[in-house]
Protein backbone atom coordinates (compact mmCIF):
# COMPACT_ATOMS: atom_id res chain seq x y z
CA MET A 1 95.56 118.88 112.11
CA ALA A 2 93.71 115.61 111.52
CA GLU A 3 91.93 114.11 114.52
CA ARG A 4 93.86 111.33 116.24
CA ILE A 5 92.38 108.15 117.65
CA TRP A 6 92.99 109.34 121.21
CA ASP A 7 91.46 112.81 120.87
CA LYS A 8 87.99 111.71 122.00
CA PHE A 9 89.43 110.47 125.29
CA LEU A 10 91.21 113.73 126.14
CA THR A 11 89.78 116.62 128.10
CA GLU A 12 90.31 120.15 126.84
CA ARG A 13 92.79 120.67 129.66
CA ASP A 14 94.73 117.57 128.56
CA LYS A 15 95.03 118.95 125.04
CA GLU A 16 96.23 122.31 126.32
CA VAL A 17 98.79 120.68 128.62
CA PHE A 18 100.29 118.65 125.76
CA LYS A 19 100.49 121.77 123.63
CA LEU A 20 102.08 123.99 126.29
CA ALA A 21 104.50 121.33 127.53
CA GLY A 22 105.87 120.64 124.07
CA TYR A 23 104.96 116.96 123.94
CA GLY A 24 104.54 115.07 120.68
CA ALA A 25 107.48 116.46 118.68
CA ARG A 26 108.39 114.33 115.68
CA ALA A 27 111.64 112.42 116.34
CA GLY A 28 111.92 110.99 112.83
CA PHE A 29 113.11 107.67 111.48
CA GLY A 30 116.58 106.35 112.12
CA LYS A 31 119.03 105.46 109.37
CA ARG A 32 119.29 101.76 110.19
CA PRO A 33 115.94 100.46 111.45
CA ALA A 34 114.71 97.01 112.39
CA LEU A 35 111.06 96.02 112.09
CA LEU A 36 109.85 94.55 115.36
CA ILE A 37 106.62 92.48 115.39
CA VAL A 38 105.46 91.92 118.97
CA ASP A 39 103.50 88.80 119.97
CA VAL A 40 101.24 88.38 116.93
CA ASN A 41 100.36 84.79 117.72
CA TYR A 42 97.26 82.67 118.23
CA ALA A 43 96.97 83.69 121.87
CA PHE A 44 96.40 87.31 120.86
CA CYS A 45 94.55 86.74 117.58
CA GLY A 46 92.53 83.57 118.08
CA ASP A 47 92.32 80.84 115.47
CA LYS A 48 89.66 82.53 113.33
CA ARG A 49 88.12 85.93 112.74
CA GLU A 50 85.23 86.45 115.14
CA PRO A 51 83.83 89.24 117.33
CA LEU A 52 86.01 90.12 120.28
CA LEU A 53 83.51 89.11 122.96
CA GLU A 54 83.22 85.67 121.37
CA SER A 55 86.94 85.23 120.78
CA VAL A 56 87.93 86.02 124.37
CA LYS A 57 85.73 83.22 125.64
CA ARG A 58 88.24 80.76 124.16
CA TRP A 59 91.37 82.89 123.76
CA ARG A 60 91.44 85.11 126.83
CA GLN A 61 93.99 87.56 125.36
CA SER A 62 92.47 87.81 121.89
CA GLY A 63 92.23 91.13 120.11
CA GLY A 64 89.26 89.85 118.13
CA GLU A 65 88.51 91.50 114.81
CA ALA A 66 91.13 94.20 115.41
CA ALA A 67 93.81 91.50 115.29
CA TRP A 68 92.60 90.21 111.95
CA ASP A 69 92.34 93.73 110.57
CA ALA A 70 96.00 94.26 111.47
CA LEU A 71 97.29 91.09 109.79
CA PRO A 72 97.20 92.46 106.20
CA VAL A 73 98.93 95.63 107.43
CA LEU A 74 101.66 93.51 109.01
CA GLN A 75 101.99 91.39 105.88
CA ASN A 76 102.64 94.51 103.84
CA LEU A 77 105.16 95.90 106.33
CA ILE A 78 107.04 92.62 106.59
CA GLY A 79 107.03 92.08 102.84
CA THR A 80 108.45 95.55 102.26
CA ALA A 81 111.12 95.12 104.94
CA ARG A 82 112.22 91.78 103.49
CA ASP A 83 112.33 93.23 99.99
CA ARG A 84 114.68 95.97 101.21
CA GLU A 85 116.66 93.47 103.33
CA VAL A 86 115.76 95.26 106.58
CA PRO A 87 115.83 93.04 109.70
CA VAL A 88 112.46 91.59 110.68
CA ILE A 89 112.38 90.55 114.33
CA TYR A 90 109.46 88.75 115.92
CA THR A 91 108.68 88.16 119.57
CA THR A 92 106.46 85.52 121.09
CA GLY A 93 106.08 83.85 124.46
CA VAL A 94 107.59 80.66 125.79
CA ARG A 95 106.35 78.75 128.80
CA ARG A 96 106.89 75.46 130.62
CA SER A 97 104.13 72.89 130.16
CA ASP A 98 103.26 73.11 133.87
CA ASN A 99 103.01 76.93 133.69
CA TRP A 100 105.32 77.29 136.70
CA ASP A 101 107.29 80.05 134.99
CA ALA A 102 104.19 82.20 134.51
CA GLY A 103 105.35 83.88 137.69
CA SER A 104 103.76 87.28 138.18
CA TRP A 105 101.46 86.81 135.17
CA ALA A 106 99.38 84.45 137.31
CA TRP A 107 98.84 87.11 139.97
CA LYS A 108 96.76 89.43 137.79
CA ASN A 109 94.59 87.12 135.68
CA GLU A 110 92.15 84.51 136.94
CA ARG A 111 92.41 82.57 133.66
CA SER A 112 96.21 82.35 133.57
CA GLY A 113 97.38 78.98 132.26
CA GLU A 114 94.02 78.19 130.71
CA LYS A 115 94.05 76.22 127.45
CA PRO A 116 91.88 77.58 124.61
CA GLY A 117 88.61 75.72 124.17
CA GLY A 118 88.09 73.82 120.93
CA SER A 119 91.67 74.20 119.70
CA ASN A 120 94.93 72.30 120.05
CA ARG A 121 97.01 75.18 118.77
CA ASP A 122 99.92 76.51 120.74
CA GLY A 123 99.00 80.05 121.68
CA ASN A 124 102.62 81.15 121.24
CA GLU A 125 102.72 80.05 117.59
CA ILE A 126 103.16 83.09 115.35
CA MET A 127 100.25 83.58 112.97
CA PRO A 128 100.80 81.77 109.66
CA GLN A 129 99.83 84.87 107.66
CA ILE A 130 103.08 86.48 108.83
CA ALA A 131 105.18 83.39 109.58
CA PRO A 132 108.93 84.03 110.02
CA GLU A 133 111.32 83.16 107.21
CA PRO A 134 114.97 82.04 107.48
CA SER A 135 116.30 85.59 107.22
CA ASP A 136 114.11 86.70 110.15
CA ILE A 137 114.88 86.60 113.87
CA VAL A 138 112.54 85.25 116.57
CA ILE A 139 112.89 86.37 120.18
CA TYR A 140 111.28 84.18 122.86
CA LYS A 141 110.27 86.11 125.96
CA GLN A 142 108.42 85.65 129.23
CA LYS A 143 107.65 89.20 130.29
CA PRO A 144 106.07 92.24 128.58
CA SER A 145 109.15 93.91 127.13
CA ALA A 146 110.91 92.28 124.19
CA PHE A 147 114.16 93.41 125.84
CA HIS A 148 113.63 91.87 129.28
CA GLY A 149 115.78 88.75 129.72
CA THR A 150 116.36 88.34 125.97
CA ASN A 151 119.13 88.85 123.40
CA LEU A 152 117.26 91.60 121.55
CA ILE A 153 119.56 94.53 122.33
CA SER A 154 122.58 92.35 121.56
CA TYR A 155 121.12 91.44 118.15
CA LEU A 156 120.27 95.07 117.38
CA THR A 157 123.86 95.99 118.21
CA LEU A 158 125.16 93.19 115.99
CA LEU A 159 122.99 94.47 113.14
CA GLY A 160 124.07 98.07 113.72
CA CYS A 161 120.50 99.27 114.20
CA ASP A 162 119.86 102.79 115.48
CA SER A 163 116.07 102.52 115.54
CA VAL A 164 113.07 100.20 115.70
CA ILE A 165 109.72 100.24 113.96
CA VAL A 166 107.26 98.53 116.29
CA ALA A 167 103.93 96.85 115.56
CA GLY A 168 101.92 94.10 117.21
CA THR A 169 100.07 93.53 120.45
CA ALA A 170 98.93 94.29 123.05
CA THR A 171 99.31 98.01 122.53
CA SER A 172 99.03 98.87 126.22
CA GLY A 173 101.07 95.87 127.40
CA CYS A 174 103.93 94.22 125.56
CA VAL A 175 104.11 96.84 122.82
CA ARG A 176 104.20 99.68 125.31
CA ALA A 177 106.84 97.99 127.47
CA THR A 178 108.99 97.30 124.42
CA VAL A 179 108.68 100.87 123.13
CA VAL A 180 109.66 102.38 126.49
CA ASP A 181 112.68 100.07 126.79
CA ALA A 182 113.76 100.83 123.22
CA PHE A 183 113.53 104.54 123.98
CA SER A 184 115.53 103.94 127.16
CA TYR A 185 118.32 102.42 125.02
CA ASN A 186 118.37 105.65 122.99
CA LEU A 187 116.88 104.01 119.92
CA ARG A 188 114.59 106.07 117.74
CA VAL A 189 111.15 104.46 117.91
CA THR A 190 108.29 104.44 115.42
CA MET A 191 104.96 102.79 116.21
CA VAL A 192 102.75 101.64 113.36
CA GLU A 193 99.31 102.84 114.42
CA ASP A 194 97.25 100.52 112.21
CA GLY A 195 99.66 97.66 112.90
CA CYS A 196 99.01 97.67 116.66
CA PHE A 197 95.95 96.23 118.36
CA GLU A 198 94.50 95.00 121.61
CA ARG A 199 91.31 94.15 123.51
CA SER A 200 90.49 97.52 125.07
CA GLU A 201 89.65 100.43 122.79
CA ALA A 202 90.40 103.00 125.49
CA SER A 203 93.70 101.41 126.52
CA HIS A 204 94.76 101.13 122.87
CA ALA A 205 93.99 104.77 122.12
CA MET A 206 95.48 106.23 125.28
CA THR A 207 98.64 104.15 125.00
CA LEU A 208 99.15 105.46 121.48
CA CYS A 209 98.63 108.95 122.91
CA ASP A 210 101.21 108.44 125.65
CA MET A 211 103.76 106.87 123.32
CA ASN A 212 103.36 109.59 120.70
CA ALA A 213 103.69 112.29 123.38
CA LYS A 214 106.92 111.02 124.92
CA TYR A 215 108.56 107.93 123.47
CA ALA A 216 107.74 107.27 119.80
CA ASP A 217 106.34 108.61 116.58
CA VAL A 218 102.91 107.01 116.08
CA ILE A 219 102.22 106.99 112.35
CA ASP A 220 100.25 105.13 109.70
CA SER A 221 101.69 102.09 107.94
CA SER A 222 101.58 103.83 104.56
CA GLU A 223 104.24 106.29 105.70
CA VAL A 224 106.34 103.48 107.15
CA VAL A 225 106.13 101.48 103.92
CA GLU A 226 107.18 104.55 101.93
CA PHE A 227 110.18 105.03 104.20
CA LEU A 228 111.23 101.37 104.06
CA SER A 229 110.85 101.30 100.29
CA GLY A 230 113.42 104.05 99.99
CA LEU A 231 116.15 102.23 101.91
CA PRO A 232 119.03 100.67 99.97
CA ARG A 233 119.50 96.91 100.05
CA GLY A 234 122.63 95.34 101.46
CA MET A 235 122.95 97.37 104.67
CA TYR A 236 122.74 94.40 107.04
CA ASN A 237 124.31 91.01 107.59
CA LEU A 238 121.08 89.03 108.07
CA PRO A 239 120.66 85.40 109.11
CA ARG A 240 120.69 82.93 106.23
CA GLY A 241 119.31 79.73 107.75
CA ALA A 242 116.80 78.36 110.24
CA SER A 243 116.79 79.73 113.78
CA GLN A 244 118.52 77.74 116.49
CA LYS A 245 115.19 76.73 118.04
CA ALA A 246 113.84 75.57 114.68
CA ALA A 247 117.00 73.61 113.95
CA GLU A 248 117.00 71.71 117.23
């Protein structure tokens, strides 16, 4: 079996436990998936490609070069999904100008509410390389999970989805929370390994390990693209115009 990104962080006992306990079985794709892109915005990518330790000086949540490496992967996934008329759903944050609604976020980060230096960009703006189109859906959220306090599960029900394919950031934060909630709704979950990124190498790898063990299939984008390419068009009643927020 090929080495996985998390193997170097596991002890020999860990590996034996996973094997004996039966973790990591392949759940498989669903029949009616949605592609879910979590929080790939300026706040998590920065406004240019630069080393992580430089990027986080201005964009405290930046994934640095890992974010920019993921963007072409996401472009390919999104392009394939749109071509097959599979729902593409984005999430990003929304916040009051006074940051009052940061709530518990402010308790765990000393830079909460900080504006990025040298940029006027809204950190919640989705990266232009993967900008939503009229047939896509954008979910605005305030907490880690894409499901918490949003219409996501209602939209998935409306679309008749039985599964989600998840990519984005941060792997150990909003992606993880979204994957666990999707699993809790009895949706089949696939995580796109090379389409997920974050600041911490160890957290990224071990989150992928945990998710693959219990809640999702963690696989390469090439396999996801192959699966999406084989789906018939016309399965979904997708939006046809601008989102409500964009139209206001």
